[in-house]
Amino acid sequence: MSWQGPRSTIGIAVLDAVEAPMMSYLLHIGSAEEPGLSVDDVEDVLVAVAPVIGTARTAAAVRKIAEALGLAIQLTSDDTE
Protein backbone atom coordinates (compact mmCIF):
# COMPACT_ATOMS: atom_id res chain seq x y z
CA MET A 1 0.00 0.00 0.00
CA SER A 2 1.36 3.41 -0.91
CA TRP A 3 1.19 6.07 1.75
CA GLN A 4 1.00 8.90 -0.74
CA GLY A 5 -2.27 10.75 -1.09
CA PRO A 6 -5.54 10.70 0.85
CA ARG A 7 -5.17 7.11 2.06
CA SER A 8 -2.16 8.07 4.15
CA THR A 9 -4.11 10.79 5.91
CA ILE A 10 -7.07 8.54 6.57
CA GLY A 11 -4.89 5.64 7.71
CA ILE A 12 -2.90 7.64 10.23
CA ALA A 13 -6.01 9.46 11.46
CA VAL A 14 -7.77 6.14 12.07
CA LEU A 15 -4.77 4.70 13.90
CA ASP A 16 -4.69 7.81 16.09
CA ALA A 17 -8.42 7.78 16.79
CA VAL A 18 -8.53 4.13 17.86
CA GLU A 19 -5.34 4.42 19.93
CA ALA A 20 -3.64 1.73 17.87
CA PRO A 21 -0.59 -0.03 19.30
CA MET A 22 2.90 0.96 18.21
CA MET A 23 3.25 -2.09 15.96
CA SER A 24 0.26 -0.92 13.90
CA TYR A 25 2.09 2.33 13.15
CA LEU A 26 5.21 0.36 12.27
CA LEU A 27 3.30 -1.87 9.87
CA HIS A 28 1.43 0.99 8.23
CA ILE A 29 4.07 3.71 8.15
CA GLY A 30 7.08 1.45 7.66
CA SER A 31 10.69 2.47 7.69
CA ALA A 32 11.54 6.14 7.67
CA GLU A 33 13.90 5.40 4.81
CA GLU A 34 11.18 4.06 2.52
CA PRO A 35 9.73 6.49 -0.01
CA GLY A 36 6.20 7.72 0.47
CA LEU A 37 5.27 9.17 3.82
CA SER A 38 7.58 11.77 5.33
CA VAL A 39 7.82 12.83 8.95
CA ASP A 40 6.33 16.18 7.89
CA ASP A 41 3.33 14.33 6.41
CA VAL A 42 2.77 12.51 9.70
CA GLU A 43 3.06 15.77 11.63
CA ASP A 44 0.52 17.44 9.33
CA VAL A 45 -1.97 14.62 9.93
CA LEU A 46 -1.50 14.80 13.70
CA VAL A 47 -2.08 18.56 13.67
CA ALA A 48 -5.20 18.10 11.56
CA VAL A 49 -6.78 15.38 13.72
CA ALA A 50 -5.75 16.73 17.13
CA PRO A 51 -8.86 18.91 17.58
CA VAL A 52 -11.05 15.90 16.82
CA ILE A 53 -9.31 13.15 18.81
CA GLY A 54 -8.02 15.30 21.68
CA THR A 55 -4.68 16.09 23.23
CA ALA A 56 -4.23 12.81 25.11
CA ARG A 57 -4.72 10.62 22.03
CA THR A 58 -2.54 12.90 19.93
CA ALA A 59 0.27 12.75 22.50
CA ALA A 60 -0.05 8.96 22.70
CA ALA A 61 0.07 8.74 18.90
CA VAL A 62 3.22 10.89 18.76
CA ARG A 63 4.95 8.59 21.26
CA LYS A 64 3.91 5.44 19.39
CA ILE A 65 4.94 6.85 16.00
CA ALA A 66 8.35 7.84 17.39
CA GLU A 67 8.79 4.33 18.84
CA ALA A 68 7.72 2.73 15.55
CA LEU A 69 10.08 4.83 13.46
CA GLY A 70 12.91 4.22 15.93
CA LEU A 71 12.30 0.48 15.78
CA ALA A 72 12.16 0.57 11.98
CA ILE A 73 15.48 2.40 11.86
CA GLN A 74 17.01 -0.06 14.34
CA LEU A 75 15.76 -3.07 12.36
CA THR A 76 17.10 -1.56 9.14
CA SER A 77 20.53 -0.94 10.66
CA ASP A 78 20.59 -4.49 12.10
CA ASP A 79 19.91 -5.87 8.61
CA THR A 80 22.89 -4.01 7.15
CA GLU A 81 25.37 -5.26 9.74
C-alpha atoms as a PDB file:
ATOM      1  CA  MET A   1       0.000   0.000   0.000  1.00  0.00           C
ATOM      2  CA  SER A   2       1.360   3.410  -0.915  1.00  0.00           C
ATOM      3  CA  TRP A   3       1.188   6.067   1.750  1.00  0.00           C
ATOM      4  CA  GLN A   4       0.997   8.899  -0.739  1.00  0.00           C
ATOM      5  CA  GLY A   5      -2.271  10.752  -1.091  1.00  0.00           C
ATOM      6  CA  PRO A   6      -5.535  10.702   0.853  1.00  0.00           C
ATOM      7  CA  ARG A   7      -5.172   7.112   2.060  1.00  0.00           C
ATOM      8  CA  SER A   8      -2.163   8.069   4.154  1.00  0.00           C
ATOM      9  CA  THR A   9      -4.112  10.795   5.906  1.00  0.00           C
ATOM     10  CA  ILE A  10      -7.070   8.539   6.575  1.00  0.00           C
ATOM     11  CA  GLY A  11      -4.893   5.639   7.714  1.00  0.00           C
ATOM     12  CA  ILE A  12      -2.898   7.644  10.229  1.00  0.00           C
ATOM     13  CA  ALA A  13      -6.007   9.457  11.460  1.00  0.00           C
ATOM     14  CA  VAL A  14      -7.774   6.138  12.066  1.00  0.00           C
ATOM     15  CA  LEU A  15      -4.773   4.695  13.900  1.00  0.00           C
ATOM     16  CA  ASP A  16      -4.686   7.808  16.089  1.00  0.00           C
ATOM     17  CA  ALA A  17      -8.421   7.778  16.786  1.00  0.00           C
ATOM     18  CA  VAL A  18      -8.535   4.129  17.862  1.00  0.00           C
ATOM     19  CA  GLU A  19      -5.345   4.418  19.932  1.00  0.00           C
ATOM     20  CA  ALA A  20      -3.635   1.733  17.869  1.00  0.00           C
ATOM     21  CA  PRO A  21      -0.588  -0.034  19.300  1.00  0.00           C
ATOM     22  CA  MET A  22       2.905   0.955  18.211  1.00  0.00           C
ATOM     23  CA  MET A  23       3.245  -2.093  15.961  1.00  0.00           C
ATOM     24  CA  SER A  24       0.261  -0.915  13.901  1.00  0.00           C
ATOM     25  CA  TYR A  25       2.086   2.325  13.154  1.00  0.00           C
ATOM     26  CA  LEU A  26       5.215   0.360  12.274  1.00  0.00           C
ATOM     27  CA  LEU A  27       3.296  -1.870   9.875  1.00  0.00           C
ATOM     28  CA  HIS A  28       1.430   0.986   8.227  1.00  0.00           C
ATOM     29  CA  ILE A  29       4.073   3.709   8.153  1.00  0.00           C
ATOM     30  CA  GLY A  30       7.083   1.454   7.660  1.00  0.00           C
ATOM     31  CA  SER A  31      10.692   2.465   7.687  1.00  0.00           C
ATOM     32  CA  ALA A  32      11.536   6.139   7.668  1.00  0.00           C
ATOM     33  CA  GLU A  33      13.904   5.401   4.812  1.00  0.00           C
ATOM     34  CA  GLU A  34      11.178   4.059   2.523  1.00  0.00           C
ATOM     35  CA  PRO A  35       9.727   6.488  -0.009  1.00  0.00           C
ATOM     36  CA  GLY A  36       6.200   7.716   0.470  1.00  0.00           C
ATOM     37  CA  LEU A  37       5.269   9.166   3.824  1.00  0.00           C
ATOM     38  CA  SER A  38       7.579  11.770   5.326  1.00  0.00           C
ATOM     39  CA  VAL A  39       7.821  12.829   8.952  1.00  0.00           C
ATOM     40  CA  ASP A  40       6.331  16.181   7.893  1.00  0.00           C
ATOM     41  CA  ASP A  41       3.334  14.333   6.413  1.00  0.00           C
ATOM     42  CA  VAL A  42       2.770  12.510   9.704  1.00  0.00           C
ATOM     43  CA  GLU A  43       3.064  15.772  11.627  1.00  0.00           C
ATOM     44  CA  ASP A  44       0.516  17.437   9.333  1.00  0.00           C
ATOM     45  CA  VAL A  45      -1.967  14.620   9.933  1.00  0.00           C
ATOM     46  CA  LEU A  46      -1.501  14.802  13.698  1.00  0.00           C
ATOM     47  CA  VAL A  47      -2.078  18.561  13.674  1.00  0.00           C
ATOM     48  CA  ALA A  48      -5.203  18.096  11.557  1.00  0.00           C
ATOM     49  CA  VAL A  49      -6.785  15.384  13.717  1.00  0.00           C
ATOM     50  CA  ALA A  50      -5.751  16.734  17.127  1.00  0.00           C
ATOM     51  CA  PRO A  51      -8.864  18.910  17.583  1.00  0.00           C
ATOM     52  CA  VAL A  52     -11.055  15.901  16.818  1.00  0.00           C
ATOM     53  CA  ILE A  53      -9.309  13.153  18.814  1.00  0.00           C
ATOM     54  CA  GLY A  54      -8.024  15.301  21.675  1.00  0.00           C
ATOM     55  CA  THR A  55      -4.683  16.091  23.227  1.00  0.00           C
ATOM     56  CA  ALA A  56      -4.230  12.813  25.108  1.00  0.00           C
ATOM     57  CA  ARG A  57      -4.723  10.620  22.034  1.00  0.00           C
ATOM     58  CA  THR A  58      -2.544  12.900  19.932  1.00  0.00           C
ATOM     59  CA  ALA A  59       0.265  12.750  22.505  1.00  0.00           C
ATOM     60  CA  ALA A  60      -0.055   8.961  22.696  1.00  0.00           C
ATOM     61  CA  ALA A  61       0.069   8.741  18.903  1.00  0.00           C
ATOM     62  CA  VAL A  62       3.217  10.886  18.762  1.00  0.00           C
ATOM     63  CA  ARG A  63       4.947   8.591  21.261  1.00  0.00           C
ATOM     64  CA  LYS A  64       3.913   5.436  19.387  1.00  0.00           C
ATOM     65  CA  ILE A  65       4.941   6.850  16.005  1.00  0.00           C
ATOM     66  CA  ALA A  66       8.349   7.838  17.394  1.00  0.00           C
ATOM     67  CA  GLU A  67       8.795   4.328  18.838  1.00  0.00           C
ATOM     68  CA  ALA A  68       7.717   2.731  15.555  1.00  0.00           C
ATOM     69  CA  LEU A  69      10.080   4.827  13.463  1.00  0.00           C
ATOM     70  CA  GLY A  70      12.912   4.222  15.928  1.00  0.00           C
ATOM     71  CA  LEU A  71      12.303   0.477  15.784  1.00  0.00           C
ATOM     72  CA  ALA A  72      12.161   0.568  11.982  1.00  0.00           C
ATOM     73  CA  ILE A  73      15.483   2.395  11.855  1.00  0.00           C
ATOM     74  CA  GLN A  74      17.006  -0.064  14.343  1.00  0.00           C
ATOM     75  CA  LEU A  75      15.756  -3.068  12.356  1.00  0.00           C
ATOM     76  CA  THR A  76      17.095  -1.556   9.136  1.00  0.00           C
ATOM     77  CA  SER A  77      20.526  -0.944  10.661  1.00  0.00           C
ATOM     78  CA  ASP A  78      20.593  -4.487  12.095  1.00  0.00           C
ATOM     79  CA  ASP A  79      19.913  -5.869   8.613  1.00  0.00           C
ATOM     80  CA  THR A  80      22.887  -4.007   7.151  1.00  0.00           C
ATOM     81  CA  GLU A  81      25.368  -5.261   9.739  1.00  0.00           C
END
